[in-house]
Amino acid sequence: MTYAIIAIMAHRCGKTYDETVEILSGIKEVQYTNGLHSQVELTRDQKELSEKLSIEL
């Protein structure tokens, strides 16, 4: 199932499956000891992928 979703994302963004996996694997989130969490700044490629897919990361 995951392969199919990533393959669709890659196709819609004009990227290869491996490129898309690499972009997605770089998305990180930091969790603080007080329970709060924050997303690390997205790279240009991650922002582009998000915009092309009309999703908010």
PDB file of N, CA and C in Angstrom:
ATOM      1  N   MET A   1       0.817  -1.186   0.000  1.00  0.00           N
ATOM      2  CA  MET A   1       0.000   0.000   0.000  1.00  0.00           C
ATOM      3  C   MET A   1       0.872   1.266   0.000  1.00  0.00           C
ATOM      4  N   THR A   2       1.884   1.273   0.853  1.00  0.00           N
ATOM      5  CA  THR A   2       2.761   2.442   0.922  1.00  0.00           C
ATOM      6  C   THR A   2       3.481   2.667  -0.397  1.00  0.00           C
ATOM      7  N   TYR A   3       3.932   1.580  -1.018  1.00  0.00           N
ATOM      8  CA  TYR A   3       4.614   1.700  -2.306  1.00  0.00           C
ATOM      9  C   TYR A   3       3.704   2.389  -3.318  1.00  0.00           C
ATOM     10  N   ALA A   4       2.444   1.994  -3.364  1.00  0.00           N
ATOM     11  CA  ALA A   4       1.507   2.563  -4.328  1.00  0.00           C
ATOM     12  C   ALA A   4       1.301   4.052  -4.084  1.00  0.00           C
ATOM     13  N   ILE A   5       1.175   4.443  -2.828  1.00  0.00           N
ATOM     14  CA  ILE A   5       0.964   5.857  -2.496  1.00  0.00           C
ATOM     15  C   ILE A   5       2.177   6.687  -2.902  1.00  0.00           C
ATOM     16  N   ILE A   6       3.365   6.202  -2.576  1.00  0.00           N
ATOM     17  CA  ILE A   6       4.579   6.945  -2.934  1.00  0.00           C
ATOM     18  C   ILE A   6       4.768   6.972  -4.444  1.00  0.00           C
ATOM     19  N   ALA A   7       4.446   5.889  -5.121  1.00  0.00           N
ATOM     20  CA  ALA A   7       4.558   5.852  -6.587  1.00  0.00           C
ATOM     21  C   ALA A   7       3.620   6.872  -7.223  1.00  0.00           C
ATOM     22  N   ILE A   8       2.417   7.004  -6.701  1.00  0.00           N
ATOM     23  CA  ILE A   8       1.467   8.001  -7.215  1.00  0.00           C
ATOM     24  C   ILE A   8       1.999   9.413  -6.967  1.00  0.00           C
ATOM     25  N   MET A   9       2.519   9.644  -5.759  1.00  0.00           N
ATOM     26  CA  MET A   9       3.090  10.952  -5.437  1.00  0.00           C
ATOM     27  C   MET A   9       4.236  11.286  -6.390  1.00  0.00           C
ATOM     28  N   ALA A  10       5.107  10.327  -6.613  1.00  0.00           N
ATOM     29  CA  ALA A  10       6.259  10.539  -7.508  1.00  0.00           C
ATOM     30  C   ALA A  10       5.790  10.877  -8.916  1.00  0.00           C
ATOM     31  N   HIS A  11       4.823  10.137  -9.408  1.00  0.00           N
ATOM     32  CA  HIS A  11       4.301  10.366 -10.756  1.00  0.00           C
ATOM     33  C   HIS A  11       3.700  11.765 -10.884  1.00  0.00           C
ATOM     34  N   ARG A  12       2.914  12.170  -9.902  1.00  0.00           N
ATOM     35  CA  ARG A  12       2.271  13.499  -9.947  1.00  0.00           C
ATOM     36  C   ARG A  12       3.269  14.635  -9.869  1.00  0.00           C
ATOM     37  N   CYS A  13       4.426  14.370  -9.249  1.00  0.00           N
ATOM     38  CA  CYS A  13       5.430  15.422  -9.092  1.00  0.00           C
ATOM     39  C   CYS A  13       6.542  15.348 -10.130  1.00  0.00           C
ATOM     40  N   GLY A  14       6.470  14.355 -11.016  1.00  0.00           N
ATOM     41  CA  GLY A  14       7.485  14.231 -12.050  1.00  0.00           C
ATOM     42  C   GLY A  14       8.836  13.802 -11.506  1.00  0.00           C
ATOM     43  N   LYS A  15       8.828  13.027 -10.440  1.00  0.00           N
ATOM     44  CA  LYS A  15      10.061  12.544  -9.834  1.00  0.00           C
ATOM     45  C   LYS A  15      10.069  11.026  -9.865  1.00  0.00           C
ATOM     46  N   THR A  16      11.240  10.449  -9.619  1.00  0.00           N
ATOM     47  CA  THR A  16      11.300   8.995  -9.536  1.00  0.00           C
ATOM     48  C   THR A  16      10.843   8.559  -8.152  1.00  0.00           C
ATOM     49  N   TYR A  17      10.562   7.276  -8.036  1.00  0.00           N
ATOM     50  CA  TYR A  17      10.151   6.722  -6.743  1.00  0.00           C
ATOM     51  C   TYR A  17      11.249   6.957  -5.705  1.00  0.00           C
ATOM     52  N   ASP A  18      12.496   6.675  -6.075  1.00  0.00           N
ATOM     53  CA  ASP A  18      13.617   6.829  -5.140  1.00  0.00           C
ATOM     54  C   ASP A  18      13.815   8.284  -4.711  1.00  0.00           C
ATOM     55  N   GLU A  19      13.670   9.216  -5.644  1.00  0.00           N
ATOM     56  CA  GLU A  19      13.791  10.643  -5.297  1.00  0.00           C
ATOM     57  C   GLU A  19      12.720  11.034  -4.284  1.00  0.00           C
ATOM     58  N   THR A  20      11.516  10.564  -4.509  1.00  0.00           N
ATOM     59  CA  THR A  20      10.409  10.898  -3.613  1.00  0.00           C
ATOM     60  C   THR A  20      10.628  10.315  -2.222  1.00  0.00           C
ATOM     61  N   VAL A  21      11.084   9.082  -2.154  1.00  0.00           N
ATOM     62  CA  VAL A  21      11.368   8.460  -0.856  1.00  0.00           C
ATOM     63  C   VAL A  21      12.447   9.250  -0.115  1.00  0.00           C
ATOM     64  N   GLU A  22      13.479   9.673  -0.836  1.00  0.00           N
ATOM     65  CA  GLU A  22      14.558  10.443  -0.223  1.00  0.00           C
ATOM     66  C   GLU A  22      14.039  11.776   0.317  1.00  0.00           C
ATOM     67  N   ILE A  23      13.193  12.440  -0.456  1.00  0.00           N
ATOM     68  CA  ILE A  23      12.624  13.716  -0.021  1.00  0.00           C
ATOM     69  C   ILE A  23      11.775  13.514   1.232  1.00  0.00           C
ATOM     70  N   LEU A  24      10.919  12.508   1.215  1.00  0.00           N
ATOM     71  CA  LEU A  24      10.032  12.261   2.355  1.00  0.00           C
ATOM     72  C   LEU A  24      10.799  11.810   3.593  1.00  0.00           C
ATOM     73  N   SER A  25      11.861  11.051   3.411  1.00  0.00           N
ATOM     74  CA  SER A  25      12.609  10.545   4.562  1.00  0.00           C
ATOM     75  C   SER A  25      13.341  11.655   5.308  1.00  0.00           C
ATOM     76  N   GLY A  26      13.520  12.784   4.657  1.00  0.00           N
ATOM     77  CA  GLY A  26      14.207  13.904   5.292  1.00  0.00           C
ATOM     78  C   GLY A  26      13.321  14.752   6.181  1.00  0.00           C
ATOM     79  N   ILE A  27      12.025  14.469   6.226  1.00  0.00           N
ATOM     80  CA  ILE A  27      11.116  15.258   7.058  1.00  0.00           C
ATOM     81  C   ILE A  27      11.258  14.796   8.495  1.00  0.00           C
ATOM     82  N   LYS A  28      11.588  15.725   9.358  1.00  0.00           N
ATOM     83  CA  LYS A  28      11.850  15.407  10.765  1.00  0.00           C
ATOM     84  C   LYS A  28      10.948  16.231  11.678  1.00  0.00           C
ATOM     85  N   GLU A  29      10.746  15.701  12.866  1.00  0.00           N
ATOM     86  CA  GLU A  29       9.988  16.406  13.892  1.00  0.00           C
ATOM     87  C   GLU A  29      10.758  16.291  15.196  1.00  0.00           C
ATOM     88  N   VAL A  30      10.823  17.372  15.950  1.00  0.00           N
ATOM     89  CA  VAL A  30      11.532  17.397  17.219  1.00  0.00           C
ATOM     90  C   VAL A  30      10.500  17.356  18.335  1.00  0.00           C
ATOM     91  N   GLN A  31      10.736  16.479  19.333  1.00  0.00           N
ATOM     92  CA  GLN A  31       9.844  16.434  20.484  1.00  0.00           C
ATOM     93  C   GLN A  31      10.636  16.876  21.704  1.00  0.00           C
ATOM     94  N   TYR A  32      10.094  17.854  22.411  1.00  0.00           N
ATOM     95  CA  TYR A  32      10.765  18.400  23.583  1.00  0.00           C
ATOM     96  C   TYR A  32      10.352  17.626  24.829  1.00  0.00           C
ATOM     97  N   THR A  33      11.143  17.752  25.882  1.00  0.00           N
ATOM     98  CA  THR A  33      10.875  17.013  27.117  1.00  0.00           C
ATOM     99  C   THR A  33       9.554  17.405  27.772  1.00  0.00           C
ATOM    100  N   ASN A  34       9.058  18.605  27.488  1.00  0.00           N
ATOM    101  CA  ASN A  34       7.786  19.037  28.067  1.00  0.00           C
ATOM    102  C   ASN A  34       6.581  18.536  27.263  1.00  0.00           C
ATOM    103  N   GLY A  35       6.818  17.715  26.239  1.00  0.00           N
ATOM    104  CA  GLY A  35       5.736  17.126  25.462  1.00  0.00           C
ATOM    105  C   GLY A  35       5.382  17.874  24.191  1.00  0.00           C
ATOM    106  N   LEU A  36       5.858  19.084  24.035  1.00  0.00           N
ATOM    107  CA  LEU A  36       5.596  19.838  22.807  1.00  0.00           C
ATOM    108  C   LEU A  36       6.454  19.290  21.680  1.00  0.00           C
ATOM    109  N   HIS A  37       5.998  19.508  20.459  1.00  0.00           N
ATOM    110  CA  HIS A  37       6.789  19.067  19.314  1.00  0.00           C
ATOM    111  C   HIS A  37       6.764  20.128  18.235  1.00  0.00           C
ATOM    112  N   SER A  38       7.785  20.091  17.393  1.00  0.00           N
ATOM    113  CA  SER A  38       7.933  21.080  16.338  1.00  0.00           C
ATOM    114  C   SER A  38       8.579  20.422  15.132  1.00  0.00           C
ATOM    115  N   GLN A  39       8.112  20.793  13.961  1.00  0.00           N
ATOM    116  CA  GLN A  39       8.680  20.253  12.730  1.00  0.00           C
ATOM    117  C   GLN A  39       9.918  21.053  12.355  1.00  0.00           C
ATOM    118  N   VAL A  40      10.955  20.346  11.926  1.00  0.00           N
ATOM    119  CA  VAL A  40      12.171  20.995  11.449  1.00  0.00           C
ATOM    120  C   VAL A  40      11.851  21.659  10.115  1.00  0.00           C
ATOM    121  N   GLU A  41      12.495  22.765   9.819  1.00  0.00           N
ATOM    122  CA  GLU A  41      12.263  23.508   8.574  1.00  0.00           C
ATOM    123  C   GLU A  41      12.362  22.583   7.360  1.00  0.00           C
ATOM    124  N   LEU A  42      11.383  22.690   6.480  1.00  0.00           N
ATOM    125  CA  LEU A  42      11.366  21.862   5.271  1.00  0.00           C
ATOM    126  C   LEU A  42      12.376  22.367   4.251  1.00  0.00           C
ATOM    127  N   THR A  43      12.943  21.452   3.486  1.00  0.00           N
ATOM    128  CA  THR A  43      13.857  21.822   2.418  1.00  0.00           C
ATOM    129  C   THR A  43      13.048  22.323   1.216  1.00  0.00           C
ATOM    130  N   ARG A  44      13.739  22.868   0.247  1.00  0.00           N
ATOM    131  CA  ARG A  44      13.083  23.354  -0.967  1.00  0.00           C
ATOM    132  C   ARG A  44      12.319  22.225  -1.652  1.00  0.00           C
ATOM    133  N   ASP A  45      12.949  21.051  -1.761  1.00  0.00           N
ATOM    134  CA  ASP A  45      12.305  19.906  -2.410  1.00  0.00           C
ATOM    135  C   ASP A  45      11.066  19.444  -1.642  1.00  0.00           C
ATOM    136  N   GLN A  46      11.138  19.453  -0.324  1.00  0.00           N
ATOM    137  CA  GLN A  46       9.990  19.049   0.488  1.00  0.00           C
ATOM    138  C   GLN A  46       8.833  20.031   0.331  1.00  0.00           C
ATOM    139  N   LYS A  47       9.149  21.315   0.292  1.00  0.00           N
ATOM    140  CA  LYS A  47       8.110  22.329   0.085  1.00  0.00           C
ATOM    141  C   LYS A  47       7.480  22.180  -1.302  1.00  0.00           C
ATOM    142  N   GLU A  48       8.315  21.929  -2.306  1.00  0.00           N
ATOM    143  CA  GLU A  48       7.828  21.762  -3.678  1.00  0.00           C
ATOM    144  C   GLU A  48       6.899  20.556  -3.770  1.00  0.00           C
ATOM    145  N   LEU A  49       7.293  19.456  -3.162  1.00  0.00           N
ATOM    146  CA  LEU A  49       6.481  18.239  -3.159  1.00  0.00           C
ATOM    147  C   LEU A  49       5.142  18.517  -2.482  1.00  0.00           C
ATOM    148  N   SER A  50       5.183  19.198  -1.360  1.00  0.00           N
ATOM    149  CA  SER A  50       3.966  19.536  -0.628  1.00  0.00           C
ATOM    150  C   SER A  50       3.024  20.404  -1.452  1.00  0.00           C
ATOM    151  N   GLU A  51       3.582  21.398  -2.116  1.00  0.00           N
ATOM    152  CA  GLU A  51       2.759  22.296  -2.949  1.00  0.00           C
ATOM    153  C   GLU A  51       2.158  21.580  -4.137  1.00  0.00           C
ATOM    154  N   LYS A  52       2.939  20.750  -4.810  1.00  0.00           N
ATOM    155  CA  LYS A  52       2.434  20.042  -5.982  1.00  0.00           C
ATOM    156  C   LYS A  52       1.316  19.059  -5.624  1.00  0.00           C
ATOM    157  N   LEU A  53       1.393  18.509  -4.420  1.00  0.00           N
ATOM    158  CA  LEU A  53       0.383  17.546  -3.988  1.00  0.00           C
ATOM    159  C   LEU A  53      -0.761  18.207  -3.225  1.00  0.00           C
ATOM    160  N   SER A  54      -0.635  19.512  -2.997  1.00  0.00           N
ATOM    161  CA  SER A  54      -1.643  20.277  -2.250  1.00  0.00           C
ATOM    162  C   SER A  54      -1.886  19.676  -0.866  1.00  0.00           C
ATOM    163  N   ILE A  55      -0.780  19.357  -0.192  1.00  0.00           N
ATOM    164  CA  ILE A  55      -0.871  18.866   1.184  1.00  0.00           C
ATOM    165  C   ILE A  55      -0.023  19.737   2.085  1.00  0.00           C
ATOM    166  N   GLU A  56      -0.382  19.785   3.354  1.00  0.00           N
ATOM    167  CA  GLU A  56       0.373  20.570   4.318  1.00  0.00           C
ATOM    168  C   GLU A  56       1.196  19.614   5.174  1.00  0.00           C
ATOM    169  N   LEU A  57       2.504  19.789   5.135  1.00  0.00           N
ATOM    170  CA  LEU A  57       3.390  18.934   5.935  1.00  0.00           C
ATOM    171  C   LEU A  57       3.754  19.611   7.222  1.00  0.00           C
TER     172      LEU A  57
END
